[in-house]
Amino acid sequence: MYDLVAPDVQASISRRKFAHEYKQVARTASMTGLRAEGRLLGQVPDDGHGVLQDVHWSSGSIGYFSTYLIGTVASVQIWEAATSDMADLEEQVGRGEFTPLRDWLGEQIHALGRKFSPQETLRRATGSTIAAQPYLDYLRKTYA
């Protein structure tokens, strides 16, 4: 969709995105400085040993971490739908039998490809769009 935007608008978006991400890096570097001073999580001698060593930051791919969280939240809903359809799924996975899960994912999600939006794909597979509550319940059950 980005390629449908006029080049001058693309340049403006890129400049704003860079400025925003630069501020995020500066903020993170500042936090790294606080860590180096021992005020957060112990001693960090320099940025090479702090959060800025992550490949995402050094390659300029700032802002992708939130997509990992979205996928994790959605995965709980997908797992719940799969276990609802296959009562013994946890036992199968425990025995190393992944074929039923792979087949279910293929039918419910992978077969749709990019035909629908992520929200619509999730709704079709699980019965609802993305929701935080299943993930929060999973966290409480797992870590409380």
N, C-alpha and C. Protein backbone atom coordinates (compact mmCIF):
# COMPACT_ATOMS: atom_id res chain seq x y z
N MET A 1 0.81 -1.18 0.00
CA MET A 1 0.00 0.00 0.00
C MET A 1 0.87 1.25 0.00
N TYR A 2 2.06 1.16 0.58
CA TYR A 2 2.97 2.29 0.65
C TYR A 2 3.34 2.77 -0.74
N ASP A 3 3.40 1.85 -1.71
CA ASP A 3 3.78 2.23 -3.07
C ASP A 3 2.68 3.02 -3.79
N LEU A 4 1.50 3.11 -3.19
CA LEU A 4 0.42 3.89 -3.78
C LEU A 4 0.49 5.36 -3.36
N VAL A 5 1.42 5.67 -2.47
CA VAL A 5 1.57 7.03 -1.96
C VAL A 5 2.56 7.79 -2.84
N ALA A 6 2.29 9.06 -3.11
CA ALA A 6 3.15 9.89 -3.94
C ALA A 6 4.56 9.95 -3.34
N PRO A 7 5.61 10.01 -4.18
CA PRO A 7 6.99 10.01 -3.69
C PRO A 7 7.30 11.11 -2.68
N ASP A 8 6.75 12.32 -2.87
CA ASP A 8 7.04 13.38 -1.90
C ASP A 8 6.41 13.08 -0.54
N VAL A 9 5.25 12.43 -0.55
CA VAL A 9 4.61 12.03 0.70
C VAL A 9 5.39 10.89 1.34
N GLN A 10 5.89 9.95 0.52
CA GLN A 10 6.73 8.88 1.04
C GLN A 10 7.95 9.45 1.74
N ALA A 11 8.59 10.44 1.14
CA ALA A 11 9.78 11.05 1.73
C ALA A 11 9.44 11.70 3.06
N SER A 12 8.30 12.37 3.11
CA SER A 12 7.86 13.02 4.35
C SER A 12 7.62 11.98 5.44
N ILE A 13 6.95 10.88 5.08
CA ILE A 13 6.68 9.81 6.03
C ILE A 13 8.00 9.22 6.51
N SER A 14 8.93 9.00 5.59
CA SER A 14 10.22 8.42 5.95
C SER A 14 10.97 9.33 6.92
N ARG A 15 10.95 10.65 6.67
CA ARG A 15 11.64 11.59 7.56
C ARG A 15 11.02 11.57 8.95
N ARG A 16 9.67 11.56 9.01
CA ARG A 16 9.01 11.54 10.31
C ARG A 16 9.28 10.22 11.04
N LYS A 17 9.25 9.13 10.28
CA LYS A 17 9.51 7.83 10.89
C LYS A 17 10.93 7.77 11.43
N PHE A 18 11.89 8.28 10.63
CA PHE A 18 13.28 8.29 11.07
C PHE A 18 13.42 9.13 12.34
N ALA A 19 12.80 10.32 12.35
CA ALA A 19 12.89 11.20 13.51
C ALA A 19 12.32 10.52 14.75
N HIS A 20 11.17 9.87 14.59
CA HIS A 20 10.55 9.16 15.71
C HIS A 20 11.47 8.04 16.21
N GLU A 21 11.98 7.25 15.27
CA GLU A 21 12.81 6.12 15.66
C GLU A 21 14.14 6.59 16.25
N TYR A 22 14.65 7.73 15.74
CA TYR A 22 15.88 8.28 16.29
C TYR A 22 15.66 8.67 17.75
N LYS A 23 14.50 9.26 18.04
CA LYS A 23 14.18 9.62 19.42
C LYS A 23 14.10 8.38 20.29
N GLN A 24 13.54 7.31 19.73
CA GLN A 24 13.45 6.06 20.49
C GLN A 24 14.84 5.52 20.81
N VAL A 25 15.74 5.58 19.83
CA VAL A 25 17.11 5.12 20.06
C VAL A 25 17.78 5.99 21.12
N ALA A 26 17.60 7.30 21.01
CA ALA A 26 18.20 8.21 21.98
C ALA A 26 17.65 7.93 23.38
N ARG A 27 16.35 7.68 23.46
CA ARG A 27 15.74 7.37 24.75
C ARG A 27 16.32 6.07 25.29
N THR A 28 16.44 5.07 24.42
CA THR A 28 17.00 3.79 24.85
C THR A 28 18.45 3.95 25.27
N ALA A 29 19.21 4.74 24.51
CA ALA A 29 20.60 4.99 24.88
C ALA A 29 20.66 5.66 26.24
N SER A 30 19.73 6.58 26.49
CA SER A 30 19.66 7.24 27.78
C SER A 30 19.38 6.22 28.88
N MET A 31 18.47 5.30 28.60
CA MET A 31 18.18 4.24 29.57
C MET A 31 19.40 3.38 29.78
N THR A 32 20.16 3.11 28.69
CA THR A 32 21.38 2.34 28.82
C THR A 32 22.36 3.08 29.72
N GLY A 33 22.40 4.41 29.57
CA GLY A 33 23.25 5.21 30.45
C GLY A 33 22.86 5.07 31.90
N LEU A 34 21.56 5.05 32.18
CA LEU A 34 21.10 4.83 33.54
C LEU A 34 21.54 3.46 34.04
N ARG A 35 21.47 2.49 33.14
CA ARG A 35 21.93 1.15 33.52
C ARG A 35 23.41 1.17 33.84
N ALA A 36 24.19 1.90 33.00
CA ALA A 36 25.63 1.95 33.21
C ALA A 36 25.96 2.58 34.56
N GLU A 37 25.12 3.51 34.99
CA GLU A 37 25.33 4.14 36.29
C GLU A 37 24.87 3.24 37.42
N GLY A 38 24.29 2.09 37.09
CA GLY A 38 23.86 1.15 38.10
C GLY A 38 22.49 1.44 38.68
N ARG A 39 21.75 2.40 38.09
CA ARG A 39 20.43 2.73 38.63
C ARG A 39 19.34 1.80 38.12
N LEU A 40 19.60 1.08 37.04
CA LEU A 40 18.65 0.10 36.51
C LEU A 40 19.38 -1.20 36.21
N LEU A 41 18.96 -2.27 36.82
CA LEU A 41 19.39 -3.63 36.46
C LEU A 41 20.89 -3.86 36.46
N GLY A 42 21.64 -3.13 37.22
CA GLY A 42 23.07 -3.42 37.33
C GLY A 42 23.94 -2.65 36.36
N GLN A 43 25.21 -3.03 36.29
CA GLN A 43 26.21 -2.30 35.51
C GLN A 43 26.24 -2.73 34.04
N VAL A 44 26.28 -1.76 33.15
CA VAL A 44 26.49 -1.98 31.71
C VAL A 44 27.58 -1.01 31.30
N PRO A 45 28.75 -1.50 30.88
CA PRO A 45 29.88 -0.61 30.64
C PRO A 45 29.72 0.33 29.44
N ASP A 46 29.00 -0.10 28.39
CA ASP A 46 28.84 0.73 27.20
C ASP A 46 27.67 0.22 26.37
N ASP A 47 27.31 0.98 25.31
CA ASP A 47 26.17 0.59 24.49
C ASP A 47 26.37 -0.76 23.81
N GLY A 48 27.60 -1.15 23.56
CA GLY A 48 27.88 -2.43 22.93
C GLY A 48 27.47 -3.61 23.79
N HIS A 49 27.26 -3.36 25.07
CA HIS A 49 26.84 -4.42 25.98
C HIS A 49 25.41 -4.22 26.48
N GLY A 50 24.75 -3.19 25.97
CA GLY A 50 23.38 -2.90 26.40
C GLY A 50 22.39 -3.28 25.32
N VAL A 51 21.22 -2.65 25.38
CA VAL A 51 20.15 -3.00 24.46
C VAL A 51 20.46 -2.64 23.01
N LEU A 52 21.37 -1.69 22.79
CA LEU A 52 21.65 -1.27 21.42
C LEU A 52 22.45 -2.31 20.63
N GLN A 53 22.90 -3.36 21.28
CA GLN A 53 23.61 -4.40 20.55
C GLN A 53 22.65 -5.30 19.75
N ASP A 54 21.36 -5.22 20.02
CA ASP A 54 20.39 -6.04 19.32
C ASP A 54 20.41 -5.76 17.83
N VAL A 55 20.33 -6.80 17.02
CA VAL A 55 20.42 -6.68 15.57
C VAL A 55 19.33 -5.78 15.00
N HIS A 56 18.16 -5.75 15.63
CA HIS A 56 17.08 -4.90 15.14
C HIS A 56 17.45 -3.42 15.22
N TRP A 57 18.09 -3.02 16.29
CA TRP A 57 18.46 -1.63 16.47
C TRP A 57 19.58 -1.25 15.51
N SER A 58 20.60 -2.08 15.42
CA SER A 58 21.75 -1.72 14.60
C SER A 58 21.43 -1.70 13.11
N SER A 59 20.42 -2.44 12.70
CA SER A 59 20.03 -2.45 11.28
C SER A 59 18.96 -1.41 10.97
N GLY A 60 18.52 -0.67 11.98
CA GLY A 60 17.52 0.36 11.76
C GLY A 60 16.09 -0.16 11.77
N SER A 61 15.90 -1.42 12.14
CA SER A 61 14.56 -2.01 12.16
C SER A 61 13.89 -1.75 13.51
N ILE A 62 13.79 -0.49 13.83
CA ILE A 62 13.22 -0.09 15.11
C ILE A 62 11.69 -0.10 14.97
N GLY A 63 11.02 -0.59 15.97
CA GLY A 63 9.57 -0.58 15.95
C GLY A 63 8.96 -1.93 15.62
N TYR A 64 9.77 -2.96 15.43
CA TYR A 64 9.24 -4.26 15.07
C TYR A 64 8.89 -5.11 16.29
N PHE A 65 9.37 -4.74 17.47
CA PHE A 65 9.12 -5.55 18.64
C PHE A 65 7.64 -5.65 18.97
N SER A 66 6.89 -4.60 18.69
CA SER A 66 5.45 -4.64 18.98
C SER A 66 4.76 -5.71 18.14
N THR A 67 5.27 -5.99 16.95
CA THR A 67 4.63 -7.02 16.13
C THR A 67 4.83 -8.40 16.74
N TYR A 68 5.93 -8.60 17.46
CA TYR A 68 6.12 -9.87 18.15
C TYR A 68 5.05 -10.06 19.22
N LEU A 69 4.74 -9.00 19.95
CA LEU A 69 3.72 -9.09 20.99
C LEU A 69 2.36 -9.37 20.38
N ILE A 70 2.03 -8.72 19.28
CA ILE A 70 0.75 -8.96 18.63
C ILE A 70 0.63 -10.43 18.22
N GLY A 71 1.69 -10.98 17.66
CA GLY A 71 1.68 -12.39 17.28
C GLY A 71 1.54 -13.31 18.47
N THR A 72 2.18 -12.96 19.57
CA THR A 72 2.09 -13.77 20.78
C THR A 72 0.67 -13.74 21.35
N VAL A 73 0.06 -12.57 21.36
CA VAL A 73 -1.32 -12.45 21.85
C VAL A 73 -2.25 -13.28 20.97
N ALA A 74 -2.11 -13.16 19.66
CA ALA A 74 -2.97 -13.91 18.73
C ALA A 74 -2.72 -15.41 18.85
N SER A 75 -1.49 -15.81 19.14
CA SER A 75 -1.18 -17.25 19.20
C SER A 75 -1.95 -17.96 20.30
N VAL A 76 -2.22 -17.25 21.39
CA VAL A 76 -3.01 -17.87 22.46
C VAL A 76 -4.43 -18.15 21.98
N GLN A 77 -5.00 -17.20 21.26
CA GLN A 77 -6.35 -17.42 20.71
C GLN A 77 -6.35 -18.58 19.72
N ILE A 78 -5.33 -18.64 18.90
CA ILE A 78 -5.23 -19.73 17.91
C ILE A 78 -5.08 -21.07 18.61
N TRP A 79 -4.23 -21.12 19.65
CA TRP A 79 -4.04 -22.36 20.39
C TRP A 79 -5.35 -22.80 21.04
N GLU A 80 -6.08 -21.86 21.63
CA GLU A 80 -7.35 -22.20 22.26
C GLU A 80 -8.35 -22.75 21.25
N ALA A 81 -8.40 -22.15 20.06
CA ALA A 81 -9.31 -22.65 19.03
C ALA A 81 -8.90 -24.04 18.57
N ALA A 82 -7.60 -24.26 18.41
CA ALA A 82 -7.10 -25.57 17.98
C ALA A 82 -7.40 -26.63 19.02
N THR A 83 -7.17 -26.32 20.30
CA THR A 83 -7.46 -27.30 21.35
C THR A 83 -8.96 -27.52 21.52
N SER A 84 -9.76 -26.53 21.16
CA SER A 84 -11.20 -26.70 21.20
C SER A 84 -11.64 -27.69 20.11
N ASP A 85 -11.00 -27.61 18.96
CA ASP A 85 -11.33 -28.52 17.85
C ASP A 85 -10.71 -29.91 18.01
N MET A 86 -9.60 -29.99 18.71
CA MET A 86 -8.89 -31.27 18.90
C MET A 86 -8.61 -31.44 20.38
N ALA A 87 -9.48 -32.17 21.05
CA ALA A 87 -9.42 -32.29 22.51
C ALA A 87 -8.10 -32.84 23.03
N ASP A 88 -7.45 -33.70 22.28
CA ASP A 88 -6.20 -34.31 22.76
C ASP A 88 -4.95 -33.65 22.17
N LEU A 89 -5.06 -32.41 21.72
CA LEU A 89 -3.95 -31.73 21.06
C LEU A 89 -2.74 -31.61 21.98
N GLU A 90 -2.94 -31.23 23.24
CA GLU A 90 -1.80 -31.08 24.14
C GLU A 90 -1.06 -32.40 24.31
N GLU A 91 -1.78 -33.49 24.42
CA GLU A 91 -1.13 -34.80 24.55
C GLU A 91 -0.37 -35.15 23.27
N GLN A 92 -0.97 -34.85 22.11
CA GLN A 92 -0.30 -35.13 20.84
C GLN A 92 1.02 -34.35 20.75
N VAL A 93 0.97 -33.08 21.05
CA VAL A 93 2.18 -32.26 21.00
C VAL A 93 3.20 -32.77 22.02
N GLY A 94 2.72 -33.17 23.19
CA GLY A 94 3.60 -33.73 24.21
C GLY A 94 4.32 -34.99 23.74
N ARG A 95 3.70 -35.73 22.85
CA ARG A 95 4.32 -36.95 22.29
C ARG A 95 5.14 -36.64 21.04
N GLY A 96 5.19 -35.35 20.66
CA GLY A 96 5.95 -34.98 19.46
C GLY A 96 5.18 -35.17 18.18
N GLU A 97 3.87 -35.32 18.27
CA GLU A 97 3.02 -35.49 17.09
C GLU A 97 2.44 -34.13 16.69
N PHE A 98 3.06 -33.50 15.72
CA PHE A 98 2.67 -32.15 15.32
C PHE A 98 1.81 -32.12 14.05
N THR A 99 1.66 -33.25 13.38
CA THR A 99 0.92 -33.27 12.12
C THR A 99 -0.53 -32.79 12.27
N PRO A 100 -1.26 -33.24 13.30
CA PRO A 100 -2.65 -32.73 13.42
C PRO A 100 -2.70 -31.20 13.59
N LEU A 101 -1.80 -30.65 14.36
CA LEU A 101 -1.76 -29.19 14.54
C LEU A 101 -1.39 -28.51 13.23
N ARG A 102 -0.39 -29.03 12.56
CA ARG A 102 0.01 -28.44 11.27
C ARG A 102 -1.15 -28.48 10.28
N ASP A 103 -1.85 -29.60 10.24
CA ASP A 103 -3.00 -29.71 9.33
C ASP A 103 -4.09 -28.71 9.70
N TRP A 104 -4.37 -28.58 11.00
CA TRP A 104 -5.39 -27.62 11.45
C TRP A 104 -5.00 -26.20 11.06
N LEU A 105 -3.75 -25.84 11.33
CA LEU A 105 -3.26 -24.50 10.95
C LEU A 105 -3.35 -24.29 9.45
N GLY A 106 -3.02 -25.33 8.68
CA GLY A 106 -3.10 -25.23 7.23
C GLY A 106 -4.52 -24.95 6.74
N GLU A 107 -5.49 -25.63 7.36
CA GLU A 107 -6.88 -25.45 6.96
C GLU A 107 -7.47 -24.13 7.46
N GLN A 108 -7.17 -23.79 8.69
CA GLN A 108 -7.82 -22.64 9.34
C GLN A 108 -7.13 -21.30 9.08
N ILE A 109 -5.81 -21.32 8.84
CA ILE A 109 -5.06 -20.07 8.72
C ILE A 109 -4.25 -19.99 7.43
N HIS A 110 -3.35 -20.94 7.24
CA HIS A 110 -2.42 -20.86 6.10
C HIS A 110 -3.13 -20.85 4.76
N ALA A 111 -4.21 -21.62 4.64
CA ALA A 111 -4.93 -21.69 3.36
C ALA A 111 -5.51 -20.33 2.95
N LEU A 112 -5.73 -19.47 3.93
CA LEU A 112 -6.31 -18.16 3.63
C LEU A 112 -5.28 -17.18 3.08
N GLY A 113 -4.01 -17.46 3.36
CA GLY A 113 -2.94 -16.59 2.85
C GLY A 113 -3.20 -15.14 3.19
N ARG A 114 -3.11 -14.28 2.18
CA ARG A 114 -3.38 -12.84 2.39
C ARG A 114 -4.74 -12.44 1.84
N LYS A 115 -5.62 -13.43 1.71
CA LYS A 115 -6.95 -13.16 1.16
C LYS A 115 -7.74 -12.19 2.04
N PHE A 116 -7.53 -12.29 3.36
CA PHE A 116 -8.24 -11.45 4.32
C PHE A 116 -7.25 -10.67 5.16
N SER A 117 -7.74 -9.68 5.86
CA SER A 117 -6.89 -8.94 6.81
C SER A 117 -6.51 -9.89 7.95
N PRO A 118 -5.45 -9.57 8.69
CA PRO A 118 -5.10 -10.41 9.84
C PRO A 118 -6.26 -10.54 10.84
N GLN A 119 -6.97 -9.45 11.08
CA GLN A 119 -8.11 -9.52 12.01
C GLN A 119 -9.19 -10.47 11.50
N GLU A 120 -9.49 -10.40 10.21
CA GLU A 120 -10.52 -11.28 9.64
C GLU A 120 -10.05 -12.73 9.64
N THR A 121 -8.80 -12.96 9.32
CA THR A 121 -8.26 -14.32 9.37
C THR A 121 -8.37 -14.89 10.78
N LEU A 122 -8.00 -14.08 11.76
CA LEU A 122 -8.09 -14.52 13.15
C LEU A 122 -9.55 -14.78 13.54
N ARG A 123 -10.44 -13.92 13.11
CA ARG A 123 -11.87 -14.11 13.41
C ARG A 123 -12.38 -15.41 12.81
N ARG A 124 -11.98 -15.68 11.57
CA ARG A 124 -12.43 -16.91 10.92
C ARG A 124 -11.87 -18.16 11.61
N ALA A 125 -10.65 -18.07 12.09
CA ALA A 125 -10.01 -19.23 12.72
C ALA A 125 -10.44 -19.43 14.16
N THR A 126 -10.69 -18.33 14.88
CA THR A 126 -10.93 -18.44 16.32
C THR A 126 -12.30 -17.99 16.77
N GLY A 127 -13.03 -17.28 15.91
CA GLY A 127 -14.33 -16.77 16.29
C GLY A 127 -14.31 -15.34 16.78
N SER A 128 -13.12 -14.74 16.93
CA SER A 128 -13.07 -13.34 17.35
C SER A 128 -11.80 -12.68 16.81
N THR A 129 -11.84 -11.37 16.78
CA THR A 129 -10.64 -10.62 16.41
C THR A 129 -9.71 -10.63 17.62
N ILE A 130 -8.55 -10.02 17.48
CA ILE A 130 -7.55 -10.08 18.55
C ILE A 130 -8.11 -9.51 19.85
N ALA A 131 -7.83 -10.23 20.92
CA ALA A 131 -8.32 -9.84 22.24
C ALA A 131 -7.23 -10.11 23.27
N ALA A 132 -7.08 -9.23 24.21
CA ALA A 132 -6.02 -9.36 25.22
C ALA A 132 -6.37 -10.39 26.29
N GLN A 133 -7.65 -10.58 26.59
CA GLN A 133 -8.02 -11.41 27.73
C GLN A 133 -7.49 -12.84 27.67
N PRO A 134 -7.57 -13.55 26.54
CA PRO A 134 -7.01 -14.90 26.52
C PRO A 134 -5.51 -14.91 26.85
N TYR A 135 -4.79 -13.92 26.37
CA TYR A 135 -3.36 -13.84 26.66
C TYR A 135 -3.12 -13.54 28.13
N LEU A 136 -3.89 -12.62 28.70
CA LEU A 136 -3.75 -12.31 30.12
C LEU A 136 -4.07 -13.52 30.98
N ASP A 137 -5.11 -14.26 30.59
CA ASP A 137 -5.45 -15.50 31.32
C ASP A 137 -4.31 -16.50 31.23
N TYR A 138 -3.71 -16.64 30.05
CA TYR A 138 -2.57 -17.55 29.88
C TYR A 138 -1.41 -17.13 30.78
N LEU A 139 -1.10 -15.84 30.83
CA LEU A 139 -0.01 -15.37 31.69
C LEU A 139 -0.27 -15.66 33.15
N ARG A 140 -1.51 -15.40 33.59
CA ARG A 140 -1.85 -15.67 34.99
C ARG A 140 -1.74 -17.16 35.31
N LYS A 141 -2.24 -17.98 34.41
CA LYS A 141 -2.21 -19.44 34.61
C LYS A 141 -0.76 -19.95 34.63
N THR A 142 0.06 -19.40 33.76
CA THR A 142 1.43 -19.90 33.61
C THR A 142 2.38 -19.36 34.68
N TYR A 143 2.23 -18.09 35.03
CA TYR A 143 3.24 -17.44 35.86
C TYR A 143 2.76 -17.01 37.25
N ALA A 144 1.47 -17.14 37.54
CA ALA A 144 0.99 -16.70 38.86
C ALA A 144 1.28 -17.72 39.93
